[in-house]
C-alpha atoms as a PDB file:
ATOM      1  CA  UNK A   1     110.622 166.620  86.849  1.00  0.00           C
ATOM      2  CA  UNK A   2     112.787 166.959  83.081  1.00  0.00           C
ATOM      3  CA  UNK A   3     110.960 164.499  81.010  1.00  0.00           C
ATOM      4  CA  UNK A   4     107.165 166.783  82.416  1.00  0.00           C
ATOM      5  CA  UNK A   5     108.916 169.597  81.861  1.00  0.00           C
ATOM      6  CA  UNK A   6     110.208 169.006  78.538  1.00  0.00           C
ATOM      7  CA  UNK A   7     106.589 167.226  77.261  1.00  0.00           C
ATOM      8  CA  UNK A   8     104.613 171.071  78.834  1.00  0.00           C
ATOM      9  CA  UNK A   9     106.419 172.485  76.491  1.00  0.00           C
ATOM     10  CA  UNK A  10     105.085 170.697  73.624  1.00  0.00           C
ATOM     11  CA  UNK A  11     102.596 173.167  71.489  1.00  0.00           C
ATOM     12  CA  UNK A  12      99.513 171.491  71.590  1.00  0.00           C
ATOM     13  CA  UNK A  13      97.551 170.629  68.365  1.00  0.00           C
ATOM     14  CA  UNK A  14      95.361 173.304  67.173  1.00  0.00           C
ATOM     15  CA  UNK A  15      93.214 171.414  64.920  1.00  0.00           C
ATOM     16  CA  UNK A  16      90.539 174.280  64.340  1.00  0.00           C
ATOM     17  CA  UNK A  17      91.967 177.465  64.504  1.00  0.00           C
ATOM     18  CA  UNK A  18      89.981 180.743  64.721  1.00  0.00           C
ATOM     19  CA  UNK A  19      93.187 183.097  63.250  1.00  0.00           C
ATOM     20  CA  UNK A  20      96.218 181.859  61.043  1.00  0.00           C
ATOM     21  CA  UNK A  21      99.246 183.918  60.599  1.00  0.00           C
ATOM     22  CA  UNK A  22     102.712 184.316  61.125  1.00  0.00           C
ATOM     23  CA  UNK A  23     104.752 186.251  63.720  1.00  0.00           C
ATOM     24  CA  UNK A  24     108.284 187.940  62.509  1.00  0.00           C
ATOM     25  CA  UNK A  25     111.241 190.031  63.739  1.00  0.00           C
ATOM     26  CA  UNK A  26     110.098 189.573  67.262  1.00  0.00           C
ATOM     27  CA  UNK A  27     112.061 190.574  70.335  1.00  0.00           C
ATOM     28  CA  UNK A  28     111.529 189.722  74.118  1.00  0.00           C
ATOM     29  CA  UNK A  29     112.842 191.627  76.423  1.00  0.00           C
ATOM     30  CA  UNK A  30     112.278 190.297  80.410  1.00  0.00           C
ATOM     31  CA  UNK A  31     112.586 191.640  83.526  1.00  0.00           C
ATOM     32  CA  UNK A  32     111.941 189.197  87.089  1.00  0.00           C
ATOM     33  CA  UNK A  33     109.744 190.616  89.775  1.00  0.00           C
ATOM     34  CA  UNK A  34     109.045 189.709  93.059  1.00  0.00           C
ATOM     35  CA  UNK A  35     105.954 187.225  92.499  1.00  0.00           C
ATOM     36  CA  UNK A  36     103.484 189.600  94.761  1.00  0.00           C
ATOM     37  CA  UNK A  37     104.238 192.442  92.637  1.00  0.00           C
ATOM     38  CA  UNK A  38     102.504 190.588  89.426  1.00  0.00           C
ATOM     39  CA  UNK A  39     100.105 188.531  91.420  1.00  0.00           C
ATOM     40  CA  UNK A  40      98.113 191.554  92.139  1.00  0.00           C
ATOM     41  CA  UNK A  41      97.461 192.564  88.752  1.00  0.00           C
ATOM     42  CA  UNK A  42      95.970 188.750  88.152  1.00  0.00           C
ATOM     43  CA  UNK A  43      92.380 187.795  88.597  1.00  0.00           C
ATOM     44  CA  UNK A  44      91.106 184.824  90.587  1.00  0.00           C
ATOM     45  CA  UNK A  45      91.987 181.656  89.479  1.00  0.00           C
ATOM     46  CA  UNK A  46      95.539 182.855  87.920  1.00  0.00           C
ATOM     47  CA  UNK A  47      98.297 182.277  89.633  1.00  0.00           C
ATOM     48  CA  UNK A  48     102.019 183.676  88.700  1.00  0.00           C
ATOM     49  CA  UNK A  49     104.189 181.206  87.288  1.00  0.00           C
ATOM     50  CA  UNK A  50     107.997 181.448  88.785  1.00  0.00           C
ATOM     51  CA  UNK A  51     111.919 180.822  86.993  1.00  0.00           C
ATOM     52  CA  UNK A  52     114.124 180.548  89.867  1.00  0.00           C
ATOM     53  CA  UNK A  53     111.908 182.160  92.456  1.00  0.00           C
ATOM     54  CA  UNK A  54     110.973 185.197  90.159  1.00  0.00           C
ATOM     55  CA  UNK A  55     108.173 186.211  88.054  1.00  0.00           C
ATOM     56  CA  UNK A  56     108.934 187.586  85.024  1.00  0.00           C
ATOM     57  CA  UNK A  57     107.114 190.400  82.605  1.00  0.00           C
ATOM     58  CA  UNK A  58     108.124 190.497  78.954  1.00  0.00           C
ATOM     59  CA  UNK A  59     108.136 193.585  76.409  1.00  0.00           C
ATOM     60  CA  UNK A  60     107.423 191.340  73.290  1.00  0.00           C
ATOM     61  CA  UNK A  61     107.312 193.696  69.932  1.00  0.00           C
ATOM     62  CA  UNK A  62     106.917 191.747  66.685  1.00  0.00           C
ATOM     63  CA  UNK A  63     105.167 192.012  63.359  1.00  0.00           C
ATOM     64  CA  UNK A  64     102.213 189.810  62.217  1.00  0.00           C
ATOM     65  CA  UNK A  65     101.811 188.492  58.817  1.00  0.00           C
ATOM     66  CA  UNK A  66      99.540 186.868  56.572  1.00  0.00           C
ATOM     67  CA  UNK A  67      96.814 187.272  58.512  1.00  0.00           C
ATOM     68  CA  UNK A  68      93.401 185.648  57.870  1.00  0.00           C
ATOM     69  CA  UNK A  69      90.750 183.641  59.492  1.00  0.00           C
ATOM     70  CA  UNK A  70      90.625 179.977  58.974  1.00  0.00           C
ATOM     71  CA  UNK A  71      90.055 178.687  56.634  1.00  0.00           C
ATOM     72  CA  UNK A  72      90.511 181.518  54.217  1.00  0.00           C
ATOM     73  CA  UNK A  73      93.729 181.854  52.415  1.00  0.00           C
ATOM     74  CA  UNK A  74      96.109 184.421  52.288  1.00  0.00           C
ATOM     75  CA  UNK A  75      94.341 187.265  50.611  1.00  0.00           C
ATOM     76  CA  UNK A  76      96.228 189.349  47.854  1.00  0.00           C
ATOM     77  CA  UNK A  77      97.501 192.778  49.593  1.00  0.00           C
ATOM     78  CA  UNK A  78      97.138 191.808  52.908  1.00  0.00           C
ATOM     79  CA  UNK A  79      99.167 194.099  54.906  1.00  0.00           C
ATOM     80  CA  UNK A  80     101.705 193.071  57.458  1.00  0.00           C
ATOM     81  CA  UNK A  81     101.226 194.842  60.449  1.00  0.00           C
ATOM     82  CA  UNK A  82     103.289 195.269  64.038  1.00  0.00           C
ATOM     83  CA  UNK A  83     101.845 194.231  67.456  1.00  0.00           C
ATOM     84  CA  UNK A  84     103.384 195.008  70.877  1.00  0.00           C
ATOM     85  CA  UNK A  85     102.457 193.369  74.067  1.00  0.00           C
ATOM     86  CA  UNK A  86     103.371 193.362  77.540  1.00  0.00           C
ATOM     87  CA  UNK A  87     102.716 189.555  79.066  1.00  0.00           C
ATOM     88  CA  UNK A  88     103.549 187.888  82.332  1.00  0.00           C
ATOM     89  CA  UNK A  89     103.749 184.325  82.861  1.00  0.00           C
ATOM     90  CA  UNK A  90     101.094 182.178  84.494  1.00  0.00           C
ATOM     91  CA  UNK A  91      99.399 178.758  85.930  1.00  0.00           C
ATOM     92  CA  UNK A  92      95.995 178.626  85.143  1.00  0.00           C
ATOM     93  CA  UNK A  93      92.677 177.115  87.028  1.00  0.00           C
ATOM     94  CA  UNK A  94      93.839 173.763  86.104  1.00  0.00           C
ATOM     95  CA  UNK A  95      97.417 174.065  86.646  1.00  0.00           C
ATOM     96  CA  UNK A  96      98.805 174.336  83.548  1.00  0.00           C
ATOM     97  CA  UNK A  97     101.606 177.340  82.649  1.00  0.00           C
ATOM     98  CA  UNK A  98     100.386 180.136  80.123  1.00  0.00           C
ATOM     99  CA  UNK A  99     100.170 183.718  79.455  1.00  0.00           C
ATOM    100  CA  UNK A 100      98.553 187.121  80.981  1.00  0.00           C
ATOM    101  CA  UNK A 101      98.967 190.241  78.966  1.00  0.00           C
ATOM    102  CA  UNK A 102      98.706 193.047  81.066  1.00  0.00           C
ATOM    103  CA  UNK A 103      98.368 195.088  77.726  1.00  0.00           C
ATOM    104  CA  UNK A 104      98.283 194.273  74.077  1.00  0.00           C
ATOM    105  CA  UNK A 105      98.754 197.344  71.712  1.00  0.00           C
ATOM    106  CA  UNK A 106      98.492 197.314  67.549  1.00  0.00           C
ATOM    107  CA  UNK A 107      98.178 199.278  65.000  1.00  0.00           C
ATOM    108  CA  UNK A 108      95.227 197.120  63.102  1.00  0.00           C
ATOM    109  CA  UNK A 109      91.655 198.152  64.669  1.00  0.00           C
ATOM    110  CA  UNK A 110      90.314 194.274  63.592  1.00  0.00           C
ATOM    111  CA  UNK A 111      92.144 192.920  66.255  1.00  0.00           C
ATOM    112  CA  UNK A 112      90.151 194.684  68.341  1.00  0.00           C
ATOM    113  CA  UNK A 113      87.185 192.258  68.306  1.00  0.00           C
ATOM    114  CA  UNK A 114      89.528 190.178  70.533  1.00  0.00           C
ATOM    115  CA  UNK A 115      88.148 192.677  73.103  1.00  0.00           C
ATOM    116  CA  UNK A 116      84.531 190.098  73.205  1.00  0.00           C
ATOM    117  CA  UNK A 117      86.663 187.513  75.288  1.00  0.00           C
ATOM    118  CA  UNK A 118      88.917 190.236  77.087  1.00  0.00           C
ATOM    119  CA  UNK A 119      91.641 190.805  75.212  1.00  0.00           C
ATOM    120  CA  UNK A 120      93.205 193.774  76.089  1.00  0.00           C
ATOM    121  CA  UNK A 121      94.078 195.218  72.977  1.00  0.00           C
ATOM    122  CA  UNK A 122      94.293 199.226  72.395  1.00  0.00           C
ATOM    123  CA  UNK A 123      95.196 201.207  69.187  1.00  0.00           C
ATOM    124  CA  UNK A 124      98.699 202.536  68.949  1.00  0.00           C
ATOM    125  CA  UNK A 125     101.266 203.784  66.147  1.00  0.00           C
ATOM    126  CA  UNK A 126     103.765 201.153  65.871  1.00  0.00           C
ATOM    127  CA  UNK A 127     107.098 200.546  63.889  1.00  0.00           C
ATOM    128  CA  UNK A 128     109.456 197.524  63.419  1.00  0.00           C
ATOM    129  CA  UNK A 129     112.660 199.064  61.103  1.00  0.00           C
ATOM    130  CA  UNK A 130     115.874 197.489  60.267  1.00  0.00           C
ATOM    131  CA  UNK A 131     118.813 199.384  60.624  1.00  0.00           C
ATOM    132  CA  UNK A 132     122.144 197.784  59.083  1.00  0.00           C
ATOM    133  CA  UNK A 133     122.484 195.306  61.885  1.00  0.00           C
ATOM    134  CA  UNK A 134     119.833 196.495  64.289  1.00  0.00           C
ATOM    135  CA  UNK A 135     116.152 196.277  64.688  1.00  0.00           C
ATOM    136  CA  UNK A 136     114.098 199.479  66.240  1.00  0.00           C
ATOM    137  CA  UNK A 137     111.236 198.964  67.456  1.00  0.00           C
ATOM    138  CA  UNK A 138     109.039 201.727  68.242  1.00  0.00           C
ATOM    139  CA  UNK A 139     105.263 202.634  69.555  1.00  0.00           C
ATOM    140  CA  UNK A 140     102.794 205.134  70.757  1.00  0.00           C
ATOM    141  CA  UNK A 141      99.783 204.469  72.483  1.00  0.00           C
ATOM    142  CA  UNK A 142      96.488 206.612  71.075  1.00  0.00           C
ATOM    143  CA  UNK A 143      95.203 209.152  73.803  1.00  0.00           C
ATOM    144  CA  UNK A 144      97.876 208.540  76.246  1.00  0.00           C
ATOM    145  CA  UNK A 145     101.044 209.037  76.953  1.00  0.00           C
ATOM    146  CA  UNK A 146     102.067 205.192  77.095  1.00  0.00           C
ATOM    147  CA  UNK A 147     104.987 204.711  74.494  1.00  0.00           C
ATOM    148  CA  UNK A 148     108.152 202.593  74.150  1.00  0.00           C
ATOM    149  CA  UNK A 149     111.651 202.991  72.144  1.00  0.00           C
ATOM    150  CA  UNK A 150     113.868 199.668  72.162  1.00  0.00           C
ATOM    151  CA  UNK A 151     116.502 199.001  69.836  1.00  0.00           C
ATOM    152  CA  UNK A 152     118.327 195.939  69.779  1.00  0.00           C
ATOM    153  CA  UNK A 153     121.153 194.006  68.289  1.00  0.00           C
ATOM    154  CA  UNK A 154     120.417 190.391  67.826  1.00  0.00           C
ATOM    155  CA  UNK A 155     123.267 187.584  68.388  1.00  0.00           C
ATOM    156  CA  UNK A 156     124.240 184.445  67.943  1.00  0.00           C
ATOM    157  CA  UNK A 157     121.359 181.544  67.774  1.00  0.00           C
ATOM    158  CA  UNK A 158     121.148 179.512  71.200  1.00  0.00           C
ATOM    159  CA  UNK A 159     121.645 176.140  70.216  1.00  0.00           C
ATOM    160  CA  UNK A 160     120.319 174.454  71.946  1.00  0.00           C
ATOM    161  CA  UNK A 161     118.321 177.394  73.918  1.00  0.00           C
ATOM    162  CA  UNK A 162     118.847 177.908  77.254  1.00  0.00           C
ATOM    163  CA  UNK A 163     116.509 176.604  80.135  1.00  0.00           C
ATOM    164  CA  UNK A 164     115.741 180.329  80.749  1.00  0.00           C
ATOM    165  CA  UNK A 165     115.061 181.276  76.970  1.00  0.00           C
ATOM    166  CA  UNK A 166     112.755 178.403  76.818  1.00  0.00           C
ATOM    167  CA  UNK A 167     110.707 179.092  79.885  1.00  0.00           C
ATOM    168  CA  UNK A 168     110.186 182.310  78.581  1.00  0.00           C
ATOM    169  CA  UNK A 169     109.672 182.028  75.090  1.00  0.00           C
ATOM    170  CA  UNK A 170     107.401 178.408  74.965  1.00  0.00           C
ATOM    171  CA  UNK A 171     104.024 179.049  76.152  1.00  0.00           C
ATOM    172  CA  UNK A 172     100.835 177.175  74.409  1.00  0.00           C
ATOM    173  CA  UNK A 173      98.048 179.277  75.519  1.00  0.00           C
ATOM    174  CA  UNK A 174      97.244 182.704  76.430  1.00  0.00           C
ATOM    175  CA  UNK A 175      94.303 183.367  79.443  1.00  0.00           C
ATOM    176  CA  UNK A 176      91.970 186.401  79.426  1.00  0.00           C
ATOM    177  CA  UNK A 177      89.368 187.748  81.760  1.00  0.00           C
ATOM    178  CA  UNK A 178      85.679 188.932  80.620  1.00  0.00           C
ATOM    179  CA  UNK A 179      82.799 189.369  82.651  1.00  0.00           C
ATOM    180  CA  UNK A 180      84.320 187.200  85.689  1.00  0.00           C
ATOM    181  CA  UNK A 181      84.867 184.421  83.229  1.00  0.00           C
ATOM    182  CA  UNK A 182      88.377 183.231  82.710  1.00  0.00           C
ATOM    183  CA  UNK A 183      88.938 182.284  78.883  1.00  0.00           C
ATOM    184  CA  UNK A 184      91.751 180.148  77.710  1.00  0.00           C
ATOM    185  CA  UNK A 185      93.057 180.669  73.888  1.00  0.00           C
ATOM    186  CA  UNK A 186      95.590 177.953  72.660  1.00  0.00           C
ATOM    187  CA  UNK A 187      98.183 178.533  70.370  1.00  0.00           C
ATOM    188  CA  UNK A 188     100.405 176.273  68.182  1.00  0.00           C
ATOM    189  CA  UNK A 189     103.208 176.810  65.931  1.00  0.00           C
ATOM    190  CA  UNK A 190     106.784 175.740  65.594  1.00  0.00           C
ATOM    191  CA  UNK A 191     109.367 176.023  68.130  1.00  0.00           C
ATOM    192  CA  UNK A 192     111.095 178.790  68.599  1.00  0.00           C
ATOM    193  CA  UNK A 193     114.984 179.623  67.834  1.00  0.00           C
ATOM    194  CA  UNK A 194     115.759 182.367  70.575  1.00  0.00           C
ATOM    195  CA  UNK A 195     119.336 184.153  69.653  1.00  0.00           C
ATOM    196  CA  UNK A 196     120.938 186.411  72.492  1.00  0.00           C
ATOM    197  CA  UNK A 197     120.171 189.931  72.116  1.00  0.00           C
ATOM    198  CA  UNK A 198     122.166 193.305  73.202  1.00  0.00           C
ATOM    199  CA  UNK A 199     119.912 195.838  74.120  1.00  0.00           C
ATOM    200  CA  UNK A 200     121.398 199.075  72.747  1.00  0.00           C
ATOM    201  CA  UNK A 201     118.533 201.308  74.011  1.00  0.00           C
ATOM    202  CA  UNK A 202     115.063 201.362  75.735  1.00  0.00           C
ATOM    203  CA  UNK A 203     113.165 203.643  76.936  1.00  0.00           C
ATOM    204  CA  UNK A 204     109.237 202.600  77.707  1.00  0.00           C
ATOM    205  CA  UNK A 205     107.061 203.430  80.745  1.00  0.00           C
ATOM    206  CA  UNK A 206     104.309 200.345  79.506  1.00  0.00           C
ATOM    207  CA  UNK A 207     105.239 198.525  82.603  1.00  0.00           C
ATOM    208  CA  UNK A 208     104.509 201.660  84.611  1.00  0.00           C
ATOM    209  CA  UNK A 209     101.048 202.177  82.940  1.00  0.00           C
ATOM    210  CA  UNK A 210     100.142 198.323  83.850  1.00  0.00           C
ATOM    211  CA  UNK A 211     101.050 198.914  87.399  1.00  0.00           C
ATOM    212  CA  UNK A 212     103.869 197.666  88.394  1.00  0.00           C
ATOM    213  CA  UNK A 213     107.053 199.323  89.872  1.00  0.00           C
ATOM    214  CA  UNK A 214     110.400 199.934  88.740  1.00  0.00           C
ATOM    215  CA  UNK A 215     112.881 196.980  88.204  1.00  0.00           C
ATOM    216  CA  UNK A 216     116.019 197.111  89.988  1.00  0.00           C
ATOM    217  CA  UNK A 217     117.522 194.168  87.768  1.00  0.00           C
ATOM    218  CA  UNK A 218     118.784 194.440  84.376  1.00  0.00           C
ATOM    219  CA  UNK A 219     116.306 192.763  81.464  1.00  0.00           C
ATOM    220  CA  UNK A 220     117.081 189.906  79.900  1.00  0.00           C
ATOM    221  CA  UNK A 221     116.774 189.728  75.946  1.00  0.00           C
ATOM    222  CA  UNK A 222     116.337 187.446  73.320  1.00  0.00           C
ATOM    223  CA  UNK A 223     114.827 187.782  69.315  1.00  0.00           C
ATOM    224  CA  UNK A 224     113.573 185.262  66.824  1.00  0.00           C
ATOM    225  CA  UNK A 225     113.503 186.134  62.984  1.00  0.00           C
ATOM    226  CA  UNK A 226     109.992 184.261  63.835  1.00  0.00           C
ATOM    227  CA  UNK A 227     107.862 181.316  63.504  1.00  0.00           C
ATOM    228  CA  UNK A 228     105.204 180.412  60.869  1.00  0.00           C
ATOM    229  CA  UNK A 229     101.698 178.925  60.260  1.00  0.00           C
ATOM    230  CA  UNK A 230     101.195 180.354  63.781  1.00  0.00           C
ATOM    231  CA  UNK A 231      97.170 178.951  64.590  1.00  0.00           C
ATOM    232  CA  UNK A 232      95.428 180.205  67.453  1.00  0.00           C
ATOM    233  CA  UNK A 233      92.458 178.879  68.492  1.00  0.00           C
ATOM    234  CA  UNK A 234      88.948 179.778  69.545  1.00  0.00           C
ATOM    235  CA  UNK A 235      88.918 180.951  73.119  1.00  0.00           C
ATOM    236  CA  UNK A 236      86.778 178.682  75.281  1.00  0.00           C
ATOM    237  CA  UNK A 237      85.934 179.482  79.667  1.00  0.00           C
ATOM    238  CA  UNK A 238      88.020 177.411  82.083  1.00  0.00           C
ATOM    239  CA  UNK A 239      87.152 179.351  85.666  1.00  0.00           C
ATOM    240  CA  UNK A 240      85.766 182.197  86.817  1.00  0.00           C
ATOM    241  CA  UNK A 241      87.522 184.834  87.608  1.00  0.00           C
ATOM    242  CA  UNK A 242      85.990 187.326  90.462  1.00  0.00           C
ATOM    243  CA  UNK A 243      88.548 189.356  92.407  1.00  0.00           C
ATOM    244  CA  UNK A 244      90.130 193.208  92.618  1.00  0.00           C
ATOM    245  CA  UNK A 245      92.531 192.761  89.474  1.00  0.00           C
ATOM    246  CA  UNK A 246      91.742 194.992  86.413  1.00  0.00           C
ATOM    247  CA  UNK A 247      90.869 194.021  82.896  1.00  0.00           C
ATOM    248  CA  UNK A 248      93.932 195.797  81.415  1.00  0.00           C
END
């Protein structure tokens, strides 16, 4: 089983990416949930994935840098911009592990093109700032009261990453749903090199807006300076997803 788990954690080759970029200054804040709380938010065709009996939901703010369609080079003056994801961990129709996004907040309206395959992007005011040894992430979604403020202090790099940190960060595909069809988007990048992180302050209502109840357990946090040359593949249909779950 250990060899199978290690093999599953290897990034697939994305030979024809639709988009290339870097993901920088990424924070991961993870909460454990009873699996039934999360399964009810998933479309038919996806099954909640668990670690030590719990489903996990993660808040992941970061910066998108050098974003360009493949095979174009980075154009001078291409702006970096923040993005914030609320995600959970799932198994697809073929049993492979991946991510399901409960929400995707972004400042760049060009990313809204991914709505075509059901990626739940919404425009928001987002900021990522460094204050001494801390990072401050803030976000406020347009047209709603959904917002967050997170202050973390990155710690020492986990060498090697713990089994839990690897499980929570090493995912190489995302699933979306559009018009009753489940789509898979493959991703290739260098391995995450997560560090421990101390949460100094956190206020958010993204989980409540996504339909999740309060969590009685304290969150687990990780930080990474980022990964470069991220290759995001072209979405492909992998199954139908009827059911009553919402297109988040």
